[in-house]
Every structure is written in C-alpha cells, then in structure tokens.
C-alpha cells in the first residue's frame, strides 16, 4: 500500500521559516512528479510547487522567491522550504505524488495524496 506521510507544519510568526517533508512509502516502481498544494479556509485547493523526475520545478506566482521545492529520489521524499512566511500562507498543505505503485496484484500509475499538515502564520 502506497502512502504519503507529511511532517513539518506548525505555528510560526510572520517572517519565519518552515520546512515541510513528504515521504512516499510502499511498493513503488517510479515517481514521476511530486509537489505541494495548499487549501486555506473558504478557498479552493491551489498548487504551490511541483517537481518532476528531471528536477524541473514549477511555482505559484504568489510563492516565487520564498518557497523552494526539492526532492531526494533515493528517499522518495519531497521537501518544501518556506521562507518569509506571511499570514496569507496559513493553510493546510497537502503533498501529492504521481507514481507507479502496487495496487493489489498490479502496478498502476496514479496520484496519491498525503493527509495534510497545518501551517499557521500568526503573531
């Protein structure tokens, strides 16, 4: 069973930093892309950053210059370094992975999601 487990959220003051981690586990053949979405109360879930197997990254305009996504392929882990946090960054952050993993007796390519980690920016 493939799972994504996130960590690193919490309460931080404006201007602070956080590092989110998301580790994929289970029987996985290949990970094509990983990334982070976030959802603030009353808002739709939005893409924050993504990274594909080649290392190419993509960021939402609102986080460019402050967020950095990276991945460790050997550890099947994606990271999100968040600098200079502001109150508008308060949200639940969800990790996702586009991968081929074992489902029952077969291997299927599909998206998996983590359970979400809360990031709260407040003084």
C-alpha atoms as a PDB file:
ATOM      1  CA  UNK A   1       0.000   0.000   0.000  1.00  0.00           C
ATOM      2  CA  UNK A   2       1.485   3.297  -1.105  1.00  0.00           C
ATOM      3  CA  UNK A   3       1.325   6.086   1.430  1.00  0.00           C
ATOM      4  CA  UNK A   4       2.488   9.662   1.645  1.00  0.00           C
ATOM      5  CA  UNK A   5       3.353  10.953   5.087  1.00  0.00           C
ATOM      6  CA  UNK A   6       3.883  14.657   5.666  1.00  0.00           C
ATOM      7  CA  UNK A   7       5.625  16.434   8.501  1.00  0.00           C
ATOM      8  CA  UNK A   8       6.953  19.843   9.428  1.00  0.00           C
ATOM      9  CA  UNK A   9       3.874  22.014   9.771  1.00  0.00           C
ATOM     10  CA  UNK A  10       3.168  24.195  12.762  1.00  0.00           C
ATOM     11  CA  UNK A  11       2.664  27.671  14.151  1.00  0.00           C
ATOM     12  CA  UNK A  12       5.175  30.289  13.088  1.00  0.00           C
ATOM     13  CA  UNK A  13       5.420  34.049  13.334  1.00  0.00           C
ATOM     14  CA  UNK A  14       5.330  36.280  10.254  1.00  0.00           C
ATOM     15  CA  UNK A  15       8.727  36.352   8.619  1.00  0.00           C
ATOM     16  CA  UNK A  16       9.571  32.903   9.937  1.00  0.00           C
ATOM     17  CA  UNK A  17      10.555  29.738   8.136  1.00  0.00           C
ATOM     18  CA  UNK A  18       9.349  26.166   7.931  1.00  0.00           C
ATOM     19  CA  UNK A  19      10.443  23.049   6.125  1.00  0.00           C
ATOM     20  CA  UNK A  20       7.801  20.551   5.117  1.00  0.00           C
ATOM     21  CA  UNK A  21       8.655  16.971   4.248  1.00  0.00           C
ATOM     22  CA  UNK A  22       6.673  14.284   2.498  1.00  0.00           C
ATOM     23  CA  UNK A  23       7.892  10.712   2.270  1.00  0.00           C
ATOM     24  CA  UNK A  24       6.397   8.095  -0.018  1.00  0.00           C
ATOM     25  CA  UNK A  25       6.412   4.513   1.172  1.00  0.00           C
ATOM     26  CA  UNK A  26       5.230   1.175  -0.116  1.00  0.00           C
ATOM     27  CA  UNK A  27       5.972  -0.780  -3.247  1.00  0.00           C
ATOM     28  CA  UNK A  28       6.834   1.940  -5.768  1.00  0.00           C
ATOM     29  CA  UNK A  29       8.318   1.450  -9.206  1.00  0.00           C
ATOM     30  CA  UNK A  30       8.711   5.027 -10.316  1.00  0.00           C
ATOM     31  CA  UNK A  31       7.873   8.520  -9.147  1.00  0.00           C
ATOM     32  CA  UNK A  32       7.248  10.937 -11.974  1.00  0.00           C
ATOM     33  CA  UNK A  33       6.383  14.052 -10.053  1.00  0.00           C
ATOM     34  CA  UNK A  34       5.774  15.287  -6.546  1.00  0.00           C
ATOM     35  CA  UNK A  35       4.527  18.528  -5.185  1.00  0.00           C
ATOM     36  CA  UNK A  36       2.519  20.536  -2.744  1.00  0.00           C
ATOM     37  CA  UNK A  37      -0.935  22.051  -2.761  1.00  0.00           C
ATOM     38  CA  UNK A  38      -2.491  24.156  -0.065  1.00  0.00           C
ATOM     39  CA  UNK A  39      -6.009  24.982   0.974  1.00  0.00           C
ATOM     40  CA  UNK A  40      -6.973  27.898   3.174  1.00  0.00           C
ATOM     41  CA  UNK A  41     -10.401  28.077   4.840  1.00  0.00           C
ATOM     42  CA  UNK A  42     -13.036  29.071   2.306  1.00  0.00           C
ATOM     43  CA  UNK A  43     -10.624  28.747  -0.603  1.00  0.00           C
ATOM     44  CA  UNK A  44     -10.062  26.126  -3.247  1.00  0.00           C
ATOM     45  CA  UNK A  45      -7.021  23.923  -3.130  1.00  0.00           C
ATOM     46  CA  UNK A  46      -4.207  25.531  -5.105  1.00  0.00           C
ATOM     47  CA  UNK A  47      -0.910  24.285  -6.455  1.00  0.00           C
ATOM     48  CA  UNK A  48       2.043  25.711  -4.564  1.00  0.00           C
ATOM     49  CA  UNK A  49       5.015  23.966  -6.140  1.00  0.00           C
ATOM     50  CA  UNK A  50       5.880  20.849  -8.069  1.00  0.00           C
ATOM     51  CA  UNK A  51       8.968  18.990  -9.179  1.00  0.00           C
ATOM     52  CA  UNK A  52       9.288  16.278 -11.788  1.00  0.00           C
ATOM     53  CA  UNK A  53      11.819  13.494 -12.086  1.00  0.00           C
ATOM     54  CA  UNK A  54      14.166  15.604 -14.223  1.00  0.00           C
ATOM     55  CA  UNK A  55      14.339  18.155 -11.437  1.00  0.00           C
ATOM     56  CA  UNK A  56      12.351  20.807 -13.246  1.00  0.00           C
ATOM     57  CA  UNK A  57      10.283  22.860 -10.834  1.00  0.00           C
ATOM     58  CA  UNK A  58       7.153  24.945 -11.056  1.00  0.00           C
ATOM     59  CA  UNK A  59       5.869  27.507  -8.547  1.00  0.00           C
ATOM     60  CA  UNK A  60       2.739  29.519  -7.999  1.00  0.00           C
ATOM     61  CA  UNK A  61       3.404  33.209  -8.617  1.00  0.00           C
ATOM     62  CA  UNK A  62       2.444  34.012  -5.037  1.00  0.00           C
ATOM     63  CA  UNK A  63       5.307  31.952  -3.604  1.00  0.00           C
ATOM     64  CA  UNK A  64       8.116  32.506  -6.098  1.00  0.00           C
ATOM     65  CA  UNK A  65      11.262  33.645  -4.363  1.00  0.00           C
ATOM     66  CA  UNK A  66      10.082  32.454  -0.943  1.00  0.00           C
ATOM     67  CA  UNK A  67       9.344  28.741  -1.420  1.00  0.00           C
ATOM     68  CA  UNK A  68      11.803  26.155  -2.640  1.00  0.00           C
ATOM     69  CA  UNK A  69      10.833  22.620  -3.570  1.00  0.00           C
ATOM     70  CA  UNK A  70      13.374  19.817  -3.722  1.00  0.00           C
ATOM     71  CA  UNK A  71      13.359  16.045  -3.708  1.00  0.00           C
ATOM     72  CA  UNK A  72      15.553  13.173  -2.642  1.00  0.00           C
ATOM     73  CA  UNK A  73      14.862  10.372  -5.084  1.00  0.00           C
ATOM     74  CA  UNK A  74      16.655   7.757  -3.010  1.00  0.00           C
ATOM     75  CA  UNK A  75      14.485   8.568  -0.006  1.00  0.00           C
ATOM     76  CA  UNK A  76      11.333   9.070  -2.120  1.00  0.00           C
ATOM     77  CA  UNK A  77      10.895  12.343  -0.296  1.00  0.00           C
ATOM     78  CA  UNK A  78       9.927  15.842  -1.363  1.00  0.00           C
ATOM     79  CA  UNK A  79      10.654  18.949   0.682  1.00  0.00           C
ATOM     80  CA  UNK A  80       9.207  22.425   0.728  1.00  0.00           C
ATOM     81  CA  UNK A  81      11.365  25.122   2.257  1.00  0.00           C
ATOM     82  CA  UNK A  82       9.202  28.098   3.155  1.00  0.00           C
ATOM     83  CA  UNK A  83      10.843  31.410   3.949  1.00  0.00           C
ATOM     84  CA  UNK A  84       9.497  34.790   4.945  1.00  0.00           C
ATOM     85  CA  UNK A  85       6.094  33.400   5.845  1.00  0.00           C
ATOM     86  CA  UNK A  86       3.109  35.724   5.933  1.00  0.00           C
ATOM     87  CA  UNK A  87      -0.439  35.327   7.181  1.00  0.00           C
ATOM     88  CA  UNK A  88      -1.690  34.552   3.681  1.00  0.00           C
ATOM     89  CA  UNK A  89       0.370  31.366   3.756  1.00  0.00           C
ATOM     90  CA  UNK A  90      -1.840  29.965   6.505  1.00  0.00           C
ATOM     91  CA  UNK A  91      -3.408  26.808   5.117  1.00  0.00           C
ATOM     92  CA  UNK A  92      -3.384  23.048   5.180  1.00  0.00           C
ATOM     93  CA  UNK A  93      -0.552  21.888   2.942  1.00  0.00           C
ATOM     94  CA  UNK A  94      -1.047  18.652   1.043  1.00  0.00           C
ATOM     95  CA  UNK A  95       1.635  16.592  -0.598  1.00  0.00           C
ATOM     96  CA  UNK A  96       0.933  14.668  -3.768  1.00  0.00           C
ATOM     97  CA  UNK A  97       2.855  12.208  -5.891  1.00  0.00           C
ATOM     98  CA  UNK A  98       2.331  10.958  -9.426  1.00  0.00           C
ATOM     99  CA  UNK A  99       3.773   7.495  -9.290  1.00  0.00           C
ATOM    100  CA  UNK A 100       3.516   3.854 -10.287  1.00  0.00           C
ATOM    101  CA  UNK A 101       2.833   1.774  -7.228  1.00  0.00           C
ATOM    102  CA  UNK A 102       1.460  -1.568  -6.294  1.00  0.00           C
ATOM    103  CA  UNK A 103      -2.316  -1.749  -6.044  1.00  0.00           C
ATOM    104  CA  UNK A 104      -3.474  -5.224  -5.186  1.00  0.00           C
ATOM    105  CA  UNK A 105      -1.714  -7.583  -7.566  1.00  0.00           C
ATOM    106  CA  UNK A 106      -0.825  -4.971 -10.170  1.00  0.00           C
ATOM    107  CA  UNK A 107       1.207  -1.837 -10.595  1.00  0.00           C
ATOM    108  CA  UNK A 108      -0.753   1.256 -11.526  1.00  0.00           C
ATOM    109  CA  UNK A 109       0.180   4.833 -12.230  1.00  0.00           C
ATOM    110  CA  UNK A 110      -1.964   7.251 -10.287  1.00  0.00           C
ATOM    111  CA  UNK A 111      -1.857  10.211  -7.951  1.00  0.00           C
ATOM    112  CA  UNK A 112      -1.542   9.811  -4.228  1.00  0.00           C
ATOM    113  CA  UNK A 113      -2.199  12.397  -1.556  1.00  0.00           C
ATOM    114  CA  UNK A 114      -0.953  12.932   1.951  1.00  0.00           C
ATOM    115  CA  UNK A 115      -3.201  13.646   4.905  1.00  0.00           C
ATOM    116  CA  UNK A 116      -2.259  17.307   5.064  1.00  0.00           C
ATOM    117  CA  UNK A 117      -0.223  19.341   7.518  1.00  0.00           C
ATOM    118  CA  UNK A 118      -1.390  22.608   9.053  1.00  0.00           C
ATOM    119  CA  UNK A 119       0.710  25.732   8.638  1.00  0.00           C
ATOM    120  CA  UNK A 120      -0.427  28.700  10.696  1.00  0.00           C
ATOM    121  CA  UNK A 121       1.288  32.072  10.467  1.00  0.00           C
ATOM    122  CA  UNK A 122       0.370  34.352  13.319  1.00  0.00           C
ATOM    123  CA  UNK A 123       1.973  36.771  15.723  1.00  0.00           C
END
